Protein backbone atom coordinates (compact mmCIF):
# COMPACT_ATOMS: atom_id res chain seq x y z
CA MET A 1 19.79 44.09 -17.37
CA ARG A 2 22.07 42.21 -14.99
CA PRO A 3 19.68 42.37 -11.97
CA ILE A 4 16.86 41.03 -14.16
CA LEU A 5 18.99 38.17 -15.47
CA PHE A 6 20.09 37.37 -11.92
CA LEU A 7 16.47 37.26 -10.76
CA ALA A 8 15.50 34.96 -13.62
CA THR A 9 18.37 32.62 -12.76
CA LEU A 10 17.37 32.60 -9.09
CA CYS A 11 13.74 31.75 -9.94
CA THR A 12 14.82 28.90 -12.20
CA ALA A 13 17.04 27.47 -9.46
CA THR A 14 14.17 27.69 -6.98
CA LEU A 15 11.77 25.96 -9.36
CA ALA A 16 14.23 23.14 -10.00
CA GLN A 17 14.19 22.12 -6.33
CA GLN A 18 10.72 20.75 -5.78
CA LYS A 19 9.56 20.38 -2.18
CA GLN A 20 6.80 18.20 -0.75
CA SER A 21 5.21 21.19 0.98
CA ASP A 22 4.65 22.79 -2.43
CA PHE A 23 2.29 19.95 -3.35
CA TYR A 24 0.92 18.38 -0.18
CA THR A 25 0.23 19.65 3.32
CA ILE A 26 0.33 17.35 6.35
CA GLU A 27 -1.51 18.51 9.46
CA SER A 28 -1.77 16.89 12.88
CA ILE A 29 -5.28 16.42 14.26
CA PRO A 30 -5.36 17.01 18.05
CA LEU A 31 -6.10 13.86 20.03
CA PRO A 32 -8.07 13.36 23.26
CA PRO A 33 -5.84 14.55 26.13
CA GLY A 34 -4.23 11.77 28.14
CA GLU A 35 -5.41 8.95 25.86
CA VAL A 36 -3.16 6.41 24.13
CA MET A 37 -4.33 6.71 20.51
CA GLU A 38 -2.39 4.04 18.61
CA ILE A 39 -4.74 4.12 15.63
CA GLY A 40 -5.43 0.82 13.88
CA SER A 41 -8.33 1.65 11.56
CA ILE A 42 -10.23 4.63 10.15
CA ALA A 43 -13.80 4.88 8.82
CA LEU A 44 -15.59 7.83 7.21
CA MET A 45 -19.08 8.53 8.53
CA PRO A 46 -21.95 10.86 7.59
CA ALA A 47 -21.93 14.51 8.72
CA ASN A 48 -18.15 14.77 8.28
CA LYS A 49 -17.46 12.51 11.24
CA VAL A 50 -14.42 10.21 11.26
CA ALA A 51 -14.26 7.04 13.37
CA VAL A 52 -10.97 5.54 14.53
CA THR A 53 -10.08 2.48 16.54
CA THR A 54 -7.01 2.04 18.70
CA ARG A 55 -4.75 -0.94 19.18
CA ARG A 56 -5.82 -0.98 22.84
CA GLY A 57 -9.43 -1.57 21.88
CA ASP A 58 -11.16 1.82 21.99
CA LEU A 59 -13.41 3.23 19.26
CA TRP A 60 -13.57 7.01 19.02
CA ILE A 61 -15.59 9.35 16.80
CA CYS A 62 -14.00 12.65 15.78
CA GLU A 63 -15.98 15.76 14.83
CA GLY A 64 -14.21 18.63 13.10
CA ALA A 65 -11.47 16.66 11.32
CA TYR A 66 -12.34 18.45 8.05
CA GLU A 67 -12.39 21.96 9.50
CA ASP A 68 -9.76 24.61 8.81
CA ASP A 69 -9.33 25.19 12.54
CA LEU A 70 -8.31 21.79 13.90
CA SER A 71 -8.00 23.11 17.45
CA LYS A 72 -11.80 22.77 17.76
CA VAL A 73 -12.07 19.02 17.08
CA LYS A 74 -14.27 17.05 19.47
CA TRP A 75 -13.91 13.39 20.43
CA ILE A 76 -16.51 10.93 21.70
CA ARG A 77 -15.49 7.49 22.92
CA PHE A 78 -18.09 5.32 21.22
CA SER A 79 -16.94 1.94 22.56
CA HIS A 80 -14.12 0.20 24.43
CA GLY A 81 -12.92 -3.30 25.29
CA LEU A 82 -12.51 -4.32 21.64
CA HIS A 83 -9.77 -6.72 20.48
CA GLU A 84 -7.33 -4.68 18.38
CA PRO A 85 -9.59 -3.81 15.40
CA LEU A 86 -7.60 -3.45 12.16
CA GLY A 87 -10.30 -2.67 9.64
CA MET A 88 -13.52 -0.68 9.89
CA TYR A 89 -16.25 0.79 7.69
CA TRP A 90 -19.63 2.51 8.03
CA LYS A 91 -22.75 1.11 6.38
CA ASP A 92 -26.46 1.65 6.93
CA GLY A 93 -26.18 3.20 10.38
CA SER A 94 -23.62 0.76 11.78
CA LEU A 95 -19.88 0.42 12.09
CA TYR A 96 -18.35 -2.90 11.08
CA LEU A 97 -15.02 -3.89 12.63
CA THR A 98 -12.54 -6.64 11.86
CA GLN A 99 -11.20 -7.70 15.26
CA ARG A 100 -8.66 -10.43 15.95
CA PRO A 101 -11.31 -13.08 16.60
CA GLU A 102 -14.29 -11.89 14.56
CA LEU A 103 -16.10 -9.49 12.24
CA THR A 104 -18.45 -7.38 14.35
CA ARG A 105 -21.33 -4.98 13.73
CA ILE A 106 -21.65 -2.13 16.24
CA GLN A 107 -24.58 0.25 16.50
CA ASP A 108 -25.93 3.06 18.68
CA ALA A 109 -29.58 2.06 18.96
CA ASP A 110 -30.77 4.68 21.48
CA GLY A 111 -28.97 7.70 20.00
CA ASP A 112 -26.80 8.60 23.01
CA ASP A 113 -23.53 8.51 21.03
CA ARG A 114 -22.47 5.26 22.72
CA ALA A 115 -22.48 1.80 21.17
CA ASP A 116 -25.10 -0.50 22.64
CA VAL A 117 -25.55 -3.20 19.98
CA PHE A 118 -22.72 -5.67 19.32
CA GLU A 119 -23.36 -8.43 16.79
CA THR A 120 -20.88 -11.09 15.70
CA ILE A 121 -21.09 -11.52 11.92
CA SER A 122 -18.44 -14.25 11.71
CA SER A 123 -15.89 -15.82 14.08
CA ASP A 124 -14.95 -18.91 12.09
CA TRP A 125 -11.18 -18.45 12.24
CA GLY A 126 -8.98 -19.18 15.25
CA ILE A 127 -6.71 -17.29 17.64
CA SER A 128 -4.18 -18.69 20.10
CA GLY A 129 -3.45 -15.55 22.08
CA ASP A 130 -0.17 -14.81 20.31
CA TYR A 131 0.47 -11.06 20.03
CA HIS A 132 1.12 -11.31 16.29
CA GLU A 133 -2.10 -12.95 15.17
CA TYR A 134 -3.46 -9.80 13.55
CA ALA A 135 -6.58 -9.80 11.41
CA PHE A 136 -6.83 -7.04 8.78
CA GLY A 137 -10.21 -6.43 7.14
CA THR A 138 -11.60 -4.49 4.17
CA PRO A 139 -14.81 -2.62 3.44
CA PRO A 140 -17.27 -4.72 1.39
CA ASP A 141 -16.23 -5.62 -2.15
CA ARG A 142 -18.51 -5.40 -5.18
CA ASN A 143 -20.38 -8.50 -3.95
CA GLY A 144 -20.72 -7.25 -0.38
CA ASP A 145 -18.01 -9.57 0.95
CA VAL A 146 -15.44 -8.46 3.53
CA TRP A 147 -11.91 -9.78 2.96
CA VAL A 148 -9.87 -10.67 6.06
CA THR A 149 -6.19 -11.59 5.93
CA LEU A 150 -4.90 -13.54 8.93
CA CYS A 151 -1.33 -13.23 10.15
CA LEU A 152 0.58 -16.32 11.17
CA THR A 153 1.23 -17.06 14.83
CA GLY A 154 4.29 -14.97 15.61
CA SER A 155 4.71 -14.65 11.84
CA PHE A 156 6.43 -18.06 11.77
CA ASP A 157 3.82 -20.67 12.80
CA ALA A 158 0.15 -21.43 12.26
CA ASN A 159 -1.17 -22.47 15.68
CA ALA A 160 -4.83 -21.61 15.10
CA PRO A 161 -7.23 -22.47 12.25
CA TRP A 162 -6.85 -20.49 9.04
CA ARG A 163 -3.77 -18.57 10.18
CA GLY A 164 -1.80 -17.84 7.01
CA TRP A 165 -4.95 -17.49 4.88
CA THR A 166 -7.20 -14.78 3.49
CA VAL A 167 -10.91 -15.43 3.92
CA ARG A 168 -14.05 -13.69 2.73
CA ILE A 169 -17.09 -13.03 4.90
CA THR A 170 -20.36 -12.89 2.98
CA PRO A 171 -23.19 -10.52 4.02
CA ASP A 172 -24.93 -13.44 5.76
CA GLY A 173 -21.81 -14.34 7.75
CA LYS A 174 -20.46 -17.30 5.80
CA MET A 175 -16.66 -17.57 5.83
CA ILE A 176 -15.03 -18.59 2.53
CA PRO A 177 -11.32 -19.55 2.61
CA THR A 178 -9.99 -17.72 -0.43
CA CYS A 179 -6.15 -17.56 -0.60
CA SER A 180 -3.35 -19.40 1.18
CA GLY A 181 0.32 -18.55 1.62
CA ILE A 182 0.03 -15.44 3.83
CA ARG A 183 2.87 -14.59 6.21
CA SER A 184 2.73 -11.25 8.06
CA PRO A 185 0.28 -8.82 6.48
CA GLY A 186 0.33 -5.12 7.28
CA GLY A 187 -2.82 -4.13 5.43
CA ILE A 188 -5.45 -5.19 2.91
CA GLY A 189 -7.53 -3.27 0.39
CA PHE A 190 -8.66 -2.92 -3.22
CA ASN A 191 -7.34 -1.23 -6.32
CA ALA A 192 -9.54 1.13 -8.32
CA GLU A 193 -10.92 -1.82 -10.31
CA GLY A 194 -12.03 -3.59 -7.12
CA ASP A 195 -9.50 -6.42 -7.04
CA ALA A 196 -8.14 -7.30 -3.59
CA PHE A 197 -4.49 -6.85 -2.58
CA TYR A 198 -2.56 -7.09 0.65
CA THR A 199 0.89 -6.06 1.82
CA ASP A 200 3.18 -8.75 3.22
CA ASN A 201 6.38 -8.17 5.15
CA GLN A 202 9.87 -9.49 4.51
CA GLY A 203 10.58 -12.73 6.36
CA THR A 204 10.26 -16.47 5.82
CA TRP A 205 9.49 -17.23 2.16
CA ASN A 206 9.39 -13.46 1.51
CA GLY A 207 12.68 -12.15 0.21
CA SER A 208 11.36 -8.59 0.44
CA SER A 209 8.12 -6.92 1.43
CA SER A 210 5.59 -6.65 -1.37
CA LEU A 211 2.12 -5.78 -2.60
CA LYS A 212 0.33 -9.03 -3.53
CA TRP A 213 -2.78 -9.72 -5.59
CA LEU A 214 -5.32 -11.87 -3.75
CA LYS A 215 -6.63 -13.75 -6.75
CA PRO A 216 -9.27 -16.17 -5.41
CA GLY A 217 -7.81 -19.66 -5.16
CA SER A 218 -4.24 -18.42 -5.29
CA PHE A 219 -1.19 -19.32 -3.19
CA GLN A 220 0.85 -16.34 -1.98
CA GLY A 221 4.17 -18.01 -1.25
CA ASN A 222 4.41 -19.04 2.42
CA PRO A 223 3.42 -22.68 3.05
CA THR A 224 3.21 -22.50 6.86
CA GLY A 225 -0.60 -22.42 6.99
CA ASN A 226 -1.18 -24.79 4.09
CA LYS A 227 -2.37 -27.58 6.43
CA TYR A 228 -5.73 -25.88 6.99
CA HIS A 229 -6.95 -26.70 3.50
CA THR A 230 -8.23 -29.96 5.00
CA LEU A 231 -10.74 -28.06 7.18
CA ALA A 232 -12.74 -27.11 4.10
CA ASN A 233 -11.83 -30.03 1.83
CA LEU A 234 -9.89 -27.69 -0.48
CA PRO A 235 -7.07 -28.81 -2.82
CA ALA A 236 -3.66 -28.71 -1.17
CA PRO A 237 -1.75 -25.47 -1.91
CA PRO A 238 1.72 -25.70 -3.47
CA GLU A 239 4.79 -26.49 -1.39
CA PRO A 240 7.56 -24.32 -2.85
CA GLN A 241 11.17 -25.49 -3.06
CA ASP A 242 13.52 -23.94 -0.54
CA GLY A 243 16.21 -21.90 -2.27
CA SER A 244 14.24 -21.45 -5.47
CA ARG A 245 12.99 -18.26 -7.15
CA VAL A 246 9.43 -16.91 -7.37
CA LEU A 247 9.36 -17.17 -11.17
CA ALA A 248 10.52 -20.80 -11.13
CA GLU A 249 7.82 -21.77 -8.62
CA HIS A 250 5.14 -19.83 -10.51
CA LEU A 251 6.03 -21.72 -13.69
CA LYS A 252 5.71 -25.02 -11.79
CA HIS A 253 2.55 -23.99 -9.93
CA PRO A 254 0.39 -21.58 -11.95
CA ASN A 255 -1.82 -20.83 -8.95
CA TYR A 256 1.23 -19.47 -7.14
CA ILE A 257 0.71 -15.79 -7.97
CA PRO A 258 3.93 -13.73 -7.82
CA PRO A 259 3.95 -10.44 -5.92
CA ALA A 260 2.41 -7.71 -8.04
CA ILE A 261 4.98 -5.17 -6.87
CA VAL A 262 8.04 -5.99 -4.80
CA LEU A 263 8.90 -3.18 -2.37
CA PRO A 264 12.69 -3.54 -2.17
CA HIS A 265 13.74 -3.77 1.46
CA GLY A 266 15.43 -0.61 2.70
CA ARG A 267 15.13 1.09 -0.68
CA VAL A 268 11.33 1.44 -0.49
CA GLY A 269 10.56 1.19 3.21
CA GLN A 270 10.54 -2.09 5.06
CA SER A 271 7.11 -2.51 6.68
CA PRO A 272 4.24 -1.83 4.23
CA THR A 273 0.75 -1.41 5.61
CA ALA A 274 -2.43 0.26 4.34
CA ILE A 275 -3.69 0.05 0.75
CA GLU A 276 -5.88 2.89 -0.54
CA PRO A 277 -6.98 3.35 -4.18
CA ASP A 278 -7.21 6.69 -5.96
CA ARG A 279 -10.61 6.40 -7.62
CA GLY A 280 -10.03 9.43 -9.80
CA SER A 281 -11.78 12.37 -8.19
CA GLY A 282 -8.83 14.50 -9.30
CA LYS A 283 -8.76 16.25 -5.93
CA PHE A 284 -5.63 14.53 -4.62
CA GLY A 285 -3.47 15.03 -7.68
CA PRO A 286 -3.15 13.38 -11.11
CA TRP A 287 -2.75 9.80 -9.82
CA ALA A 288 -6.16 8.39 -10.84
CA GLY A 289 -6.31 4.59 -10.80
CA GLN A 290 -3.16 4.17 -8.73
CA VAL A 291 -2.90 2.91 -5.15
CA TYR A 292 -1.23 4.41 -2.08
CA ILE A 293 0.71 2.13 0.25
CA GLY A 294 1.38 3.03 3.87
CA GLU A 295 4.79 2.39 5.38
CA GLN A 296 5.25 1.86 9.10
CA THR A 297 9.02 1.87 9.64
CA HIS A 298 9.84 4.78 7.31
CA SER A 299 6.67 6.76 8.21
CA GLN A 300 5.79 7.26 4.55
CA VAL A 301 3.15 6.78 1.87
CA GLN A 302 4.32 5.23 -1.41
CA ARG A 303 2.55 5.43 -4.78
CA ALA A 304 2.03 2.37 -7.00
CA PHE A 305 1.01 1.96 -10.64
CA LEU A 306 -0.51 -1.44 -11.48
CA GLU A 307 -1.20 -3.10 -14.81
CA LYS A 308 -2.14 -6.59 -15.96
CA VAL A 309 0.15 -8.36 -18.43
CA ASN A 310 -0.73 -11.86 -19.62
CA GLY A 311 -3.36 -12.05 -16.87
CA ILE A 312 -0.91 -11.24 -14.03
CA TYR A 313 -0.69 -7.98 -12.09
CA GLN A 314 2.63 -6.16 -12.01
CA GLY A 315 3.81 -2.57 -11.95
CA ALA A 316 5.97 0.14 -10.47
CA VAL A 317 6.30 1.73 -7.05
CA PHE A 318 7.42 5.35 -6.56
CA HIS A 319 8.40 7.30 -3.46
CA PHE A 320 5.65 9.78 -2.61
CA LEU A 321 4.97 11.34 0.84
CA GLU A 322 7.16 11.35 3.94
CA GLY A 323 7.61 13.09 7.26
CA PHE A 324 4.65 11.64 9.17
CA GLN A 325 4.84 11.71 12.96
CA CYS A 326 5.13 7.95 13.39
CA GLY A 327 4.67 4.67 11.57
CA ILE A 328 1.53 4.48 9.43
CA ILE A 329 -0.96 1.63 9.97
CA PRO A 330 -4.31 2.72 8.41
CA SER A 331 -5.08 5.36 5.80
CA LYS A 332 -8.31 6.53 4.23
CA LEU A 333 -8.73 8.74 1.14
CA ASP A 334 -12.12 10.31 0.51
CA ASP A 335 -13.55 11.64 -2.75
CA ARG A 336 -12.93 15.22 -1.63
CA GLY A 337 -9.19 14.74 -1.73
CA VAL A 338 -8.48 14.40 2.00
CA MET A 339 -6.33 11.51 3.17
CA PHE A 340 -6.38 10.57 6.84
CA VAL A 341 -3.54 8.49 8.29
CA GLY A 342 -2.92 7.09 11.74
CA GLY A 343 -0.50 4.78 13.39
CA SER A 344 1.81 3.69 16.15
CA ASN A 345 5.45 2.88 16.74
CA ARG A 346 4.83 0.32 19.51
CA GLY A 347 6.58 -2.95 18.73
CA TRP A 348 8.40 -1.56 15.69
CA ALA A 349 10.39 1.64 15.71
CA SER A 350 9.63 4.28 13.08
CA ARG A 351 11.34 7.33 11.63
CA GLY A 352 8.56 9.46 13.01
CA ASN A 353 9.40 9.65 16.69
CA GLN A 354 5.93 10.06 18.20
CA PRO A 355 4.25 7.05 19.87
CA PHE A 356 1.04 7.52 17.86
CA ASN A 357 -0.52 9.93 15.37
CA PHE A 358 -3.63 11.07 13.51
CA GLU A 359 -2.89 13.31 10.53
CA ARG A 360 -4.57 14.56 7.38
CA VAL A 361 -3.04 15.21 3.97
CA LYS A 362 -4.35 17.63 1.34
CA TRP A 363 -3.19 18.46 -2.18
CA THR A 364 -2.32 22.12 -2.70
CA GLY A 365 -3.46 22.02 -6.33
CA LYS A 366 0.10 22.28 -7.63
CA THR A 367 1.33 19.24 -9.55
CA PRO A 368 4.95 18.09 -9.24
CA PHE A 369 7.01 17.06 -12.23
CA GLU A 370 7.01 13.29 -11.81
CA ILE A 371 6.95 9.99 -13.64
CA LEU A 372 3.21 9.36 -13.72
CA THR A 373 3.24 5.76 -14.97
CA MET A 374 5.78 3.14 -16.00
CA SER A 375 4.36 0.35 -18.15
CA ALA A 376 6.03 -2.68 -19.68
CA ARG A 377 6.61 -3.15 -23.42
CA PRO A 378 8.08 -6.17 -25.26
CA ASP A 379 11.44 -4.43 -25.56
CA GLY A 380 11.42 -1.93 -22.70
CA PHE A 381 9.16 0.47 -20.84
CA ASN A 382 6.92 3.42 -21.59
CA LEU A 383 7.07 6.35 -19.20
CA THR A 384 4.39 9.01 -18.92
CA PHE A 385 4.87 12.29 -17.05
CA THR A 386 2.82 14.91 -15.28
CA GLU A 387 4.08 17.62 -17.65
CA PRO A 388 6.09 17.73 -20.90
CA VAL A 389 9.73 16.68 -20.73
CA ASP A 390 12.68 18.52 -22.19
CA PRO A 391 13.27 16.62 -25.48
CA ALA A 392 17.04 17.00 -25.48
CA ALA A 393 17.38 15.49 -22.02
CA ALA A 394 14.74 12.82 -22.63
CA ILE A 395 16.27 11.36 -25.81
CA ASN A 396 19.72 11.08 -24.25
CA PRO A 397 20.29 7.48 -23.04
CA ALA A 398 22.74 8.87 -20.49
CA SER A 399 19.78 10.44 -18.66
CA TYR A 400 18.80 6.94 -17.51
CA ALA A 401 20.36 4.00 -15.69
CA MET A 402 18.91 0.64 -14.72
CA GLN A 403 19.67 -2.25 -12.40
CA ALA A 404 17.74 -5.51 -12.02
CA TRP A 405 17.69 -8.27 -9.43
CA THR A 406 15.50 -10.83 -7.71
CA TYR A 407 15.38 -12.65 -4.36
CA ILE A 408 15.85 -16.16 -3.05
CA LEU A 409 12.59 -17.91 -2.16
CA GLN A 410 13.53 -19.65 1.07
CA LYS A 411 12.30 -20.67 4.50
CA GLY A 412 15.08 -18.56 5.99
CA TYR A 413 14.35 -14.96 6.90
CA GLY A 414 14.34 -12.56 3.94
CA SER A 415 16.94 -12.58 1.18
CA PRO A 416 19.73 -10.51 -0.27
CA GLU A 417 19.31 -9.07 -3.75
CA VAL A 418 20.57 -11.82 -6.09
CA ASP A 419 20.98 -12.64 -9.78
CA GLN A 420 21.88 -9.01 -10.49
CA SER A 421 22.03 -7.69 -14.02
CA THR A 422 22.43 -4.29 -15.69
CA PRO A 423 19.88 -3.69 -18.45
CA VAL A 424 20.97 -0.99 -20.90
CA VAL A 425 18.82 1.84 -22.25
CA LYS A 426 19.54 1.66 -26.00
CA SER A 427 17.23 4.42 -27.15
CA ALA A 428 14.60 6.88 -25.94
CA THR A 429 11.82 8.33 -28.10
CA VAL A 430 9.76 11.32 -27.00
CA ALA A 431 6.09 11.57 -27.96
CA PRO A 432 5.12 14.67 -30.00
CA ASP A 433 3.35 16.21 -27.00
CA GLY A 434 6.34 15.56 -24.74
CA MET A 435 4.18 13.74 -22.20
CA SER A 436 5.72 10.28 -22.63
CA VAL A 437 9.02 8.60 -23.46
CA ARG A 438 9.48 5.16 -25.00
CA LEU A 439 12.57 3.37 -23.68
CA VAL A 440 14.08 0.49 -25.65
CA ILE A 441 16.08 -1.61 -23.22
CA GLU A 442 18.51 -4.42 -23.84
CA GLY A 443 18.59 -7.08 -21.14
CA LEU A 444 15.10 -7.18 -19.61
CA VAL A 445 14.83 -10.09 -17.14
CA ARG A 446 11.49 -11.71 -16.46
CA GLY A 447 10.84 -12.13 -12.73
CA HIS A 448 13.23 -9.34 -11.73
CA VAL A 449 12.74 -5.96 -10.10
CA HIS A 450 13.91 -3.29 -12.56
CA HIS A 451 15.20 -0.18 -10.82
CA LEU A 452 15.03 2.83 -13.12
CA MET A 453 17.06 5.94 -12.26
CA ALA A 454 16.22 8.99 -14.37
CA ALA A 455 18.32 11.67 -12.71
CA GLY A 456 19.15 13.30 -16.07
CA LEU A 457 15.56 14.08 -16.97
CA LYS A 458 14.03 17.52 -16.69
CA SER A 459 10.79 19.10 -17.74
CA ALA A 460 10.38 21.55 -20.60
CA SER A 461 10.11 24.25 -17.93
CA GLY A 462 13.44 23.24 -16.36
CA LEU A 463 12.30 21.17 -13.36
CA THR A 464 14.11 18.03 -12.25
CA LEU A 465 11.98 15.09 -11.17
CA TRP A 466 10.67 15.28 -7.61
CA HIS A 467 11.43 11.54 -7.29
CA PRO A 468 13.83 10.40 -10.03
CA GLU A 469 13.53 6.63 -9.54
CA ALA A 470 11.02 3.84 -9.98
CA PHE A 471 10.99 0.11 -9.16
CA TYR A 472 9.11 -2.09 -11.66
CA THR A 473 8.41 -5.78 -10.93
CA LEU A 474 8.50 -7.51 -14.31
CA ASN A 475 6.51 -10.71 -13.75
CA GLU A 476 5.59 -10.93 -17.43
CA ILE A 477 7.09 -9.44 -20.58
CA PRO A 478 4.33 -8.39 -22.98
CA LYS A 479 4.13 -10.27 -26.25
């Protein structure tokens, strides 16, 4: 009996150490030899083709990116001489690109696999030539509008019209200034419900990087580009008080929308980028309705759960995928469960040590033991899981720990974690099916990031959590 018992113990130990490769595979897609492929945007096309743009202004179309044998991929350079496109989609036989100075439609009219029609849809914002004046664009929203978020000049000034704003471009080319207060975006996209979000980087008036909800008419926190409201006869955006806190300014100025999810600097990356929703095909894992956030510096993809409380978005971010070849800029998830990512480390170093990359991610079909969602309650949080928890571990308050903090809202660069507190888990109640745990917590702080550590949890089958921590931004406490 001893060899059998030893084998059982060994299997349990192996199961307890979950590895990313058990759940997701990351494969490199071969790139055109000798080309500098710093990928800035990705678009899915008919016939399993995938289009990518590069930071140097080329547009390539890849055939074979879905095949098992990636050594047979083929590349066609469709266009060149573009101005750093950072947003692209396919619609009705054309590719649409958000370039620094304009939204452009590109088409191959004669069928020779080369672009020969270039149409400017809108060019109503300005550029000064500064290297940092990026323009990130979305696919069309439910109304057909493309959202474009415009980085400040050098991330500190606004030397061209509408820098520091998000605008919408209607199907007929009209530009609608939509949100002010932008600093240095790294990506823009929608959640599964179709609401627009963007990622902003730590810096002036941004204590930490964050995922922000682009509610039309809202102010996002950085007043540098506020002056351009006069160009469209719009009401003046708020001017926040230096040294204040986000919650205090939101209470003074209701149209100042707090970050939906703060991405604590260093703890959860430090340069967030692409935003991709999981629309619930079930082919990329059990994360339906959540969003994936690219990370340039740490070469990762994070996972975020969003909810609305009292009309304001908030939620939790979880570590998810890592080990990409370089810093991620765009990502694209299709309904077949394939995620494509690309990027570059030029200008900002990344953990991945390659100068550029194009990779695909697939789910193996095996689900990790993870915190699936973390939602706010009047006196704590409710956690759901991907499989039943061990009741004895889950009801023990010692299985959990929590810290909370916020940041200074200031014109100086970034912020330390301030106003720290230590909320206490008073009780934990397990649902009858074991799939959720209700935490009663003493000391919740509105406006703070709440860092949950659940290292003592395990599943009913003996697994420890793949990622035992979560970071919840508590903008509102439910009534």
